[in-house]
Amino acid sequence: MTVKEPSSLYTVRFNDCDPFGHLNNSSYINYFMNAREDHLAESYDLHLKDYAAKGLGWVVTQHQISYIKPAFVAEKVHIHSRVLEFSNHHILVEMWMTDEQKKKVKSFLWSRFAHIDLKTGKRAEHDEALLKLLDEIRVEHNGVDTFDQRVGAVLQSF
């Protein structure tokens, strides 16, 4: 069975925090992007370096983030990800960070990625195998269409 919502455990690093010991706002995005890269490799055997060697990749076209509770230096956090939407040219990935016990949401992110040809810098179509994988792992978001609605729905689920 294909994993639809991979999760990884991370430790918040001192050098990623502000003087108050909170994970710096910009560092959240780095943690999310690194986690998603790990999830692709571990859950789907999709390695971005190898994919780039084929001349293809994704670029971020938009981030929407909500900071809900701070993550603190040396704290262990789980980062979860899932695909909400995709087309021949884009993917919408939803990610969220929780405490170690997975009881409190700390941050929530939507990232839109455009699939590109790395040589031309122009949009490229996903191949059939990738579209099949995306269809297998996509998670229905039950008619909740906006970022704020999704944040509310995820918070209610905790």
N, C-alpha and C. Protein backbone atom coordinates (compact mmCIF):
# COMPACT_ATOMS: atom_id res chain seq x y z
N MET A 1 0.84 -1.19 0.00
CA MET A 1 0.00 0.00 0.00
C MET A 1 0.88 1.25 0.00
N THR A 2 0.52 2.20 -0.81
CA THR A 2 1.28 3.44 -0.94
C THR A 2 0.96 4.38 0.21
N VAL A 3 1.98 4.96 0.80
CA VAL A 3 1.81 5.92 1.90
C VAL A 3 1.28 7.22 1.31
N LYS A 4 0.16 7.69 1.82
CA LYS A 4 -0.42 8.95 1.34
C LYS A 4 0.02 10.15 2.17
N GLU A 5 0.33 9.91 3.44
CA GLU A 5 0.68 11.01 4.33
C GLU A 5 1.93 10.66 5.12
N PRO A 6 3.11 10.75 4.47
CA PRO A 6 4.34 10.45 5.20
C PRO A 6 4.60 11.45 6.30
N SER A 7 5.36 11.01 7.30
CA SER A 7 5.69 11.84 8.45
C SER A 7 7.12 11.54 8.87
N SER A 8 7.81 12.56 9.35
CA SER A 8 9.19 12.39 9.83
C SER A 8 9.37 13.17 11.12
N LEU A 9 10.27 12.67 11.95
CA LEU A 9 10.59 13.33 13.22
C LEU A 9 11.88 14.12 13.06
N TYR A 10 11.86 15.38 13.51
CA TYR A 10 13.03 16.27 13.43
C TYR A 10 13.26 16.93 14.78
N THR A 11 14.49 17.35 14.99
CA THR A 11 14.85 18.13 16.17
C THR A 11 15.10 19.57 15.73
N VAL A 12 14.48 20.50 16.43
CA VAL A 12 14.67 21.93 16.12
C VAL A 12 16.08 22.32 16.55
N ARG A 13 16.84 22.85 15.63
CA ARG A 13 18.25 23.18 15.86
C ARG A 13 18.42 24.61 16.38
N PHE A 14 19.41 24.78 17.23
CA PHE A 14 19.72 26.08 17.84
C PHE A 14 19.92 27.16 16.78
N ASN A 15 20.70 26.85 15.75
CA ASN A 15 21.03 27.87 14.75
C ASN A 15 19.84 28.24 13.87
N ASP A 16 18.71 27.54 13.99
CA ASP A 16 17.50 27.87 13.24
C ASP A 16 16.52 28.70 14.06
N CYS A 17 16.92 29.08 15.26
CA CYS A 17 16.01 29.76 16.19
C CYS A 17 16.37 31.22 16.37
N ASP A 18 15.38 31.99 16.81
CA ASP A 18 15.58 33.41 17.10
C ASP A 18 16.10 33.55 18.54
N PRO A 19 16.39 34.78 18.98
CA PRO A 19 16.92 34.96 20.35
C PRO A 19 15.98 34.49 21.47
N PHE A 20 14.69 34.28 21.14
CA PHE A 20 13.73 33.82 22.15
C PHE A 20 13.67 32.29 22.22
N GLY A 21 14.47 31.61 21.39
CA GLY A 21 14.46 30.15 21.37
C GLY A 21 13.36 29.55 20.52
N HIS A 22 12.66 30.40 19.74
CA HIS A 22 11.61 29.92 18.83
C HIS A 22 12.22 29.64 17.46
N LEU A 23 11.71 28.62 16.80
CA LEU A 23 12.11 28.38 15.42
C LEU A 23 11.80 29.64 14.62
N ASN A 24 12.80 30.15 13.91
CA ASN A 24 12.65 31.37 13.13
C ASN A 24 11.60 31.15 12.04
N ASN A 25 10.78 32.18 11.77
CA ASN A 25 9.70 32.04 10.79
C ASN A 25 10.18 31.49 9.45
N SER A 26 11.28 32.00 8.94
CA SER A 26 11.77 31.53 7.64
C SER A 26 12.29 30.10 7.72
N SER A 27 12.73 29.67 8.89
CA SER A 27 13.24 28.31 9.05
C SER A 27 12.14 27.26 8.92
N TYR A 28 10.90 27.62 9.25
CA TYR A 28 9.80 26.67 9.09
C TYR A 28 9.75 26.16 7.66
N ILE A 29 9.88 27.07 6.71
CA ILE A 29 9.81 26.67 5.30
C ILE A 29 10.94 25.72 4.96
N ASN A 30 12.15 26.00 5.46
CA ASN A 30 13.27 25.08 5.22
C ASN A 30 12.98 23.70 5.80
N TYR A 31 12.45 23.65 7.01
CA TYR A 31 12.13 22.36 7.63
C TYR A 31 11.08 21.62 6.80
N PHE A 32 10.05 22.33 6.35
CA PHE A 32 9.01 21.70 5.54
C PHE A 32 9.58 21.18 4.21
N MET A 33 10.38 21.99 3.54
CA MET A 33 10.92 21.57 2.24
C MET A 33 11.87 20.38 2.40
N ASN A 34 12.70 20.41 3.43
CA ASN A 34 13.59 19.27 3.68
C ASN A 34 12.80 18.01 4.01
N ALA A 35 11.75 18.16 4.80
CA ALA A 35 10.92 17.00 5.14
C ALA A 35 10.26 16.43 3.89
N ARG A 36 9.74 17.30 3.03
CA ARG A 36 9.09 16.79 1.82
C ARG A 36 10.09 16.06 0.94
N GLU A 37 11.30 16.58 0.83
CA GLU A 37 12.32 15.88 0.06
C GLU A 37 12.59 14.50 0.65
N ASP A 38 12.69 14.43 1.98
CA ASP A 38 12.86 13.14 2.66
C ASP A 38 11.69 12.21 2.39
N HIS A 39 10.47 12.75 2.46
CA HIS A 39 9.28 11.94 2.24
C HIS A 39 9.26 11.37 0.82
N LEU A 40 9.64 12.19 -0.17
CA LEU A 40 9.68 11.70 -1.55
C LEU A 40 10.64 10.53 -1.69
N ALA A 41 11.82 10.67 -1.08
CA ALA A 41 12.84 9.61 -1.19
C ALA A 41 12.42 8.36 -0.42
N GLU A 42 11.96 8.52 0.82
CA GLU A 42 11.67 7.38 1.68
C GLU A 42 10.36 6.67 1.31
N SER A 43 9.35 7.42 0.93
CA SER A 43 8.04 6.82 0.68
C SER A 43 7.80 6.45 -0.78
N TYR A 44 8.43 7.18 -1.71
CA TYR A 44 8.13 6.98 -3.13
C TYR A 44 9.36 6.67 -3.98
N ASP A 45 10.53 6.54 -3.33
CA ASP A 45 11.78 6.29 -4.04
C ASP A 45 12.01 7.31 -5.15
N LEU A 46 11.61 8.56 -4.89
CA LEU A 46 11.80 9.66 -5.83
C LEU A 46 12.86 10.59 -5.24
N HIS A 47 14.02 10.59 -5.84
CA HIS A 47 15.16 11.36 -5.35
C HIS A 47 15.34 12.59 -6.23
N LEU A 48 15.22 13.78 -5.65
CA LEU A 48 15.23 15.00 -6.43
C LEU A 48 16.53 15.19 -7.22
N LYS A 49 17.65 14.76 -6.66
CA LYS A 49 18.93 14.88 -7.38
C LYS A 49 18.90 14.04 -8.65
N ASP A 50 18.40 12.81 -8.55
CA ASP A 50 18.31 11.93 -9.72
C ASP A 50 17.30 12.47 -10.73
N TYR A 51 16.20 13.03 -10.22
CA TYR A 51 15.17 13.60 -11.10
C TYR A 51 15.74 14.79 -11.86
N ALA A 52 16.52 15.61 -11.16
CA ALA A 52 17.15 16.77 -11.80
C ALA A 52 18.16 16.34 -12.86
N ALA A 53 18.82 15.21 -12.63
CA ALA A 53 19.78 14.69 -13.62
C ALA A 53 19.08 14.34 -14.93
N LYS A 54 17.76 14.07 -14.87
CA LYS A 54 16.97 13.82 -16.08
C LYS A 54 16.54 15.12 -16.75
N GLY A 55 16.90 16.26 -16.11
CA GLY A 55 16.54 17.56 -16.68
C GLY A 55 15.18 18.08 -16.25
N LEU A 56 14.62 17.51 -15.18
CA LEU A 56 13.30 17.92 -14.71
C LEU A 56 13.34 18.25 -13.22
N GLY A 57 12.40 19.08 -12.80
CA GLY A 57 12.31 19.43 -11.39
C GLY A 57 11.07 20.25 -11.13
N TRP A 58 10.97 20.72 -9.91
CA TRP A 58 9.85 21.58 -9.52
C TRP A 58 10.39 22.85 -8.90
N VAL A 59 9.68 23.94 -9.12
CA VAL A 59 9.99 25.19 -8.45
C VAL A 59 8.75 25.63 -7.68
N VAL A 60 8.97 26.27 -6.57
CA VAL A 60 7.87 26.79 -5.77
C VAL A 60 7.30 28.02 -6.47
N THR A 61 5.99 28.03 -6.63
CA THR A 61 5.33 29.21 -7.17
C THR A 61 4.56 29.98 -6.10
N GLN A 62 4.26 29.29 -4.97
CA GLN A 62 3.54 29.98 -3.90
C GLN A 62 3.64 29.18 -2.61
N HIS A 63 3.80 29.91 -1.51
CA HIS A 63 3.68 29.34 -0.16
C HIS A 63 2.57 30.10 0.57
N GLN A 64 1.76 29.38 1.32
CA GLN A 64 0.85 29.97 2.28
C GLN A 64 1.13 29.27 3.59
N ILE A 65 1.44 30.05 4.63
CA ILE A 65 1.83 29.44 5.90
C ILE A 65 1.09 30.09 7.06
N SER A 66 0.77 29.26 8.02
CA SER A 66 0.15 29.73 9.25
C SER A 66 1.01 29.25 10.42
N TYR A 67 1.43 30.20 11.25
CA TYR A 67 2.21 29.89 12.46
C TYR A 67 1.23 29.82 13.62
N ILE A 68 1.06 28.64 14.18
CA ILE A 68 0.00 28.43 15.17
C ILE A 68 0.55 28.39 16.59
N LYS A 69 1.56 27.59 16.82
CA LYS A 69 2.23 27.52 18.12
C LYS A 69 3.73 27.46 17.86
N PRO A 70 4.53 28.06 18.70
CA PRO A 70 5.98 28.06 18.44
C PRO A 70 6.60 26.67 18.61
N ALA A 71 7.62 26.44 17.81
CA ALA A 71 8.49 25.28 17.98
C ALA A 71 9.75 25.81 18.65
N PHE A 72 10.24 25.12 19.66
CA PHE A 72 11.34 25.62 20.47
C PHE A 72 12.64 24.87 20.20
N VAL A 73 13.75 25.53 20.51
CA VAL A 73 15.06 24.94 20.34
C VAL A 73 15.12 23.59 21.07
N ALA A 74 15.69 22.60 20.40
CA ALA A 74 15.88 21.23 20.89
C ALA A 74 14.59 20.42 20.98
N GLU A 75 13.46 21.00 20.63
CA GLU A 75 12.19 20.27 20.65
C GLU A 75 12.14 19.29 19.47
N LYS A 76 11.54 18.14 19.69
CA LYS A 76 11.30 17.19 18.61
C LYS A 76 9.91 17.47 18.02
N VAL A 77 9.85 17.54 16.70
CA VAL A 77 8.60 17.82 16.00
C VAL A 77 8.41 16.82 14.87
N HIS A 78 7.16 16.53 14.57
CA HIS A 78 6.83 15.71 13.41
C HIS A 78 6.41 16.63 12.28
N ILE A 79 6.85 16.31 11.07
CA ILE A 79 6.41 17.03 9.89
C ILE A 79 5.73 16.02 8.97
N HIS A 80 4.51 16.36 8.57
CA HIS A 80 3.66 15.51 7.76
C HIS A 80 3.45 16.20 6.41
N SER A 81 3.24 15.41 5.36
CA SER A 81 2.95 16.02 4.06
C SER A 81 1.98 15.15 3.28
N ARG A 82 1.27 15.81 2.36
CA ARG A 82 0.36 15.09 1.48
C ARG A 82 0.06 15.95 0.25
N VAL A 83 -0.26 15.28 -0.84
CA VAL A 83 -0.64 15.96 -2.08
C VAL A 83 -2.14 16.19 -2.05
N LEU A 84 -2.54 17.45 -2.26
CA LEU A 84 -3.97 17.78 -2.32
C LEU A 84 -4.48 17.86 -3.74
N GLU A 85 -3.67 18.43 -4.64
CA GLU A 85 -4.08 18.63 -6.03
C GLU A 85 -2.88 18.45 -6.93
N PHE A 86 -3.17 18.14 -8.18
CA PHE A 86 -2.12 18.11 -9.19
C PHE A 86 -2.74 18.24 -10.56
N SER A 87 -1.93 18.62 -11.51
CA SER A 87 -2.31 18.65 -12.91
C SER A 87 -1.10 18.19 -13.71
N ASN A 88 -1.14 18.34 -15.01
CA ASN A 88 0.00 17.99 -15.84
C ASN A 88 1.22 18.85 -15.52
N HIS A 89 1.01 20.03 -14.92
CA HIS A 89 2.10 20.98 -14.73
C HIS A 89 2.35 21.43 -13.30
N HIS A 90 1.47 21.09 -12.37
CA HIS A 90 1.65 21.61 -11.00
C HIS A 90 1.26 20.57 -9.96
N ILE A 91 1.69 20.84 -8.72
CA ILE A 91 1.32 20.03 -7.55
C ILE A 91 1.05 20.99 -6.39
N LEU A 92 0.01 20.73 -5.63
CA LEU A 92 -0.26 21.45 -4.38
C LEU A 92 -0.01 20.46 -3.25
N VAL A 93 0.97 20.78 -2.40
CA VAL A 93 1.34 19.92 -1.27
C VAL A 93 0.97 20.63 0.02
N GLU A 94 0.33 19.89 0.90
CA GLU A 94 -0.05 20.39 2.22
C GLU A 94 0.89 19.76 3.24
N MET A 95 1.44 20.60 4.12
CA MET A 95 2.35 20.09 5.15
C MET A 95 1.97 20.73 6.48
N TRP A 96 2.20 19.98 7.54
CA TRP A 96 1.97 20.54 8.86
C TRP A 96 2.97 19.95 9.84
N MET A 97 3.24 20.74 10.86
CA MET A 97 4.19 20.37 11.91
C MET A 97 3.42 20.21 13.20
N THR A 98 3.73 19.12 13.92
CA THR A 98 3.11 18.89 15.22
C THR A 98 4.20 18.70 16.28
N ASP A 99 3.78 18.67 17.53
CA ASP A 99 4.69 18.32 18.60
C ASP A 99 5.05 16.83 18.49
N GLU A 100 5.95 16.38 19.34
CA GLU A 100 6.42 14.99 19.26
C GLU A 100 5.30 13.98 19.46
N GLN A 101 4.31 14.32 20.28
CA GLN A 101 3.20 13.41 20.56
C GLN A 101 2.09 13.48 19.49
N LYS A 102 2.26 14.35 18.52
CA LYS A 102 1.29 14.55 17.44
C LYS A 102 -0.07 15.00 17.97
N LYS A 103 -0.04 15.84 19.01
CA LYS A 103 -1.29 16.32 19.60
C LYS A 103 -1.56 17.79 19.33
N LYS A 104 -0.50 18.58 19.06
CA LYS A 104 -0.65 20.02 18.84
C LYS A 104 -0.04 20.41 17.49
N VAL A 105 -0.81 21.13 16.70
CA VAL A 105 -0.30 21.63 15.43
C VAL A 105 0.47 22.91 15.71
N LYS A 106 1.68 22.98 15.18
CA LYS A 106 2.54 24.15 15.38
C LYS A 106 2.53 25.07 14.16
N SER A 107 2.46 24.49 12.98
CA SER A 107 2.47 25.28 11.77
C SER A 107 1.82 24.48 10.65
N PHE A 108 1.32 25.21 9.66
CA PHE A 108 0.58 24.60 8.56
C PHE A 108 0.98 25.32 7.28
N LEU A 109 1.24 24.56 6.21
CA LEU A 109 1.76 25.15 4.97
C LEU A 109 1.11 24.53 3.75
N TRP A 110 0.78 25.38 2.78
CA TRP A 110 0.47 24.93 1.44
C TRP A 110 1.59 25.42 0.54
N SER A 111 2.12 24.54 -0.29
CA SER A 111 3.13 24.92 -1.28
C SER A 111 2.68 24.45 -2.65
N ARG A 112 2.69 25.39 -3.59
CA ARG A 112 2.41 25.07 -4.99
C ARG A 112 3.72 24.98 -5.74
N PHE A 113 3.86 23.91 -6.49
CA PHE A 113 5.07 23.67 -7.26
C PHE A 113 4.71 23.58 -8.74
N ALA A 114 5.52 24.22 -9.58
CA ALA A 114 5.39 24.08 -11.02
C ALA A 114 6.46 23.09 -11.49
N HIS A 115 6.07 22.19 -12.36
CA HIS A 115 6.99 21.21 -12.93
C HIS A 115 7.69 21.88 -14.11
N ILE A 116 9.02 21.82 -14.13
CA ILE A 116 9.76 22.54 -15.17
C ILE A 116 10.83 21.67 -15.82
N ASP A 117 11.17 22.08 -17.03
CA ASP A 117 12.32 21.55 -17.74
C ASP A 117 13.50 22.40 -17.28
N LEU A 118 14.48 21.79 -16.64
CA LEU A 118 15.59 22.55 -16.06
C LEU A 118 16.48 23.20 -17.12
N LYS A 119 16.47 22.67 -18.33
CA LYS A 119 17.30 23.26 -19.39
C LYS A 119 16.68 24.54 -19.95
N THR A 120 15.36 24.54 -20.11
CA THR A 120 14.69 25.70 -20.71
C THR A 120 14.11 26.64 -19.66
N GLY A 121 13.87 26.12 -18.45
CA GLY A 121 13.23 26.91 -17.42
C GLY A 121 11.74 27.07 -17.63
N LYS A 122 11.19 26.34 -18.59
CA LYS A 122 9.76 26.44 -18.90
C LYS A 122 9.01 25.25 -18.30
N ARG A 123 7.72 25.44 -18.16
CA ARG A 123 6.89 24.36 -17.62
C ARG A 123 7.01 23.11 -18.47
N ALA A 124 6.97 21.98 -17.79
CA ALA A 124 7.03 20.68 -18.45
C ALA A 124 5.88 19.83 -17.93
N GLU A 125 5.42 18.93 -18.74
CA GLU A 125 4.33 18.05 -18.32
C GLU A 125 4.89 16.90 -17.48
N HIS A 126 4.12 16.52 -16.47
CA HIS A 126 4.44 15.31 -15.72
C HIS A 126 4.25 14.11 -16.65
N ASP A 127 5.11 13.11 -16.55
CA ASP A 127 4.94 11.92 -17.37
C ASP A 127 3.85 11.03 -16.77
N GLU A 128 3.45 10.01 -17.53
CA GLU A 128 2.33 9.15 -17.09
C GLU A 128 2.60 8.44 -15.78
N ALA A 129 3.83 7.97 -15.57
CA ALA A 129 4.15 7.27 -14.33
C ALA A 129 4.00 8.20 -13.13
N LEU A 130 4.44 9.44 -13.27
CA LEU A 130 4.32 10.39 -12.18
C LEU A 130 2.86 10.76 -11.93
N LEU A 131 2.10 10.95 -13.00
CA LEU A 131 0.67 11.24 -12.84
C LEU A 131 -0.05 10.09 -12.14
N LYS A 132 0.35 8.87 -12.44
CA LYS A 132 -0.25 7.69 -11.79
C LYS A 132 0.08 7.71 -10.29
N LEU A 133 1.34 7.98 -9.96
CA LEU A 133 1.73 8.06 -8.55
C LEU A 133 0.96 9.17 -7.84
N LEU A 134 0.89 10.34 -8.45
CA LEU A 134 0.17 11.47 -7.84
C LEU A 134 -1.29 11.11 -7.60
N ASP A 135 -1.89 10.41 -8.54
CA ASP A 135 -3.29 10.00 -8.38
C ASP A 135 -3.44 9.01 -7.21
N GLU A 136 -2.46 8.12 -7.04
CA GLU A 136 -2.50 7.15 -5.94
C GLU A 136 -2.34 7.81 -4.57
N ILE A 137 -1.53 8.86 -4.49
CA ILE A 137 -1.22 9.44 -3.18
C ILE A 137 -2.03 10.69 -2.86
N ARG A 138 -2.78 11.20 -3.82
CA ARG A 138 -3.57 12.41 -3.56
C ARG A 138 -4.60 12.13 -2.46
N VAL A 139 -4.75 13.11 -1.58
CA VAL A 139 -5.70 13.01 -0.48
C VAL A 139 -6.84 13.98 -0.75
N GLU A 140 -8.06 13.48 -0.68
CA GLU A 140 -9.23 14.33 -0.86
C GLU A 140 -9.29 15.37 0.25
N HIS A 141 -9.64 16.57 -0.12
CA HIS A 141 -9.79 17.59 0.92
C HIS A 141 -11.24 17.98 1.12
N ASN A 142 -12.13 17.09 0.72
CA ASN A 142 -13.55 17.13 1.07
C ASN A 142 -14.21 18.48 0.86
N GLY A 143 -13.96 19.10 -0.28
CA GLY A 143 -14.64 20.34 -0.62
C GLY A 143 -14.16 21.56 0.14
N VAL A 144 -13.17 21.42 0.98
CA VAL A 144 -12.62 22.56 1.70
C VAL A 144 -11.59 23.18 0.77
N ASP A 145 -11.92 24.36 0.22
CA ASP A 145 -11.14 24.89 -0.89
C ASP A 145 -10.10 25.93 -0.53
N THR A 146 -10.27 26.63 0.58
CA THR A 146 -9.33 27.71 0.87
C THR A 146 -8.31 27.28 1.93
N PHE A 147 -7.21 27.96 1.93
CA PHE A 147 -6.16 27.69 2.91
C PHE A 147 -6.70 27.84 4.33
N ASP A 148 -7.38 28.93 4.61
CA ASP A 148 -7.90 29.16 5.96
C ASP A 148 -8.90 28.09 6.38
N GLN A 149 -9.72 27.62 5.45
CA GLN A 149 -10.65 26.53 5.76
C GLN A 149 -9.89 25.26 6.10
N ARG A 150 -8.81 24.97 5.36
CA ARG A 150 -8.01 23.77 5.63
C ARG A 150 -7.33 23.87 6.99
N VAL A 151 -6.79 25.04 7.31
CA VAL A 151 -6.17 25.21 8.63
C VAL A 151 -7.19 24.90 9.71
N GLY A 152 -8.39 25.45 9.57
CA GLY A 152 -9.44 25.19 10.55
C GLY A 152 -9.82 23.73 10.63
N ALA A 153 -9.93 23.05 9.49
CA ALA A 153 -10.29 21.63 9.46
C ALA A 153 -9.21 20.78 10.12
N VAL A 154 -7.95 21.08 9.84
CA VAL A 154 -6.87 20.31 10.45
C VAL A 154 -6.82 20.55 11.95
N LEU A 155 -6.97 21.78 12.37
CA LEU A 155 -6.96 22.08 13.81
C LEU A 155 -8.10 21.37 14.52
N GLN A 156 -9.26 21.30 13.89
CA GLN A 156 -10.40 20.59 14.50
C GLN A 156 -10.13 19.10 14.63
N SER A 157 -9.33 18.55 13.70
CA SER A 157 -9.05 17.12 13.76
C SER A 157 -8.11 16.77 14.90
N PHE A 158 -7.48 17.77 15.51
CA PHE A 158 -6.60 17.54 16.65
C PHE A 158 -7.37 17.86 17.90
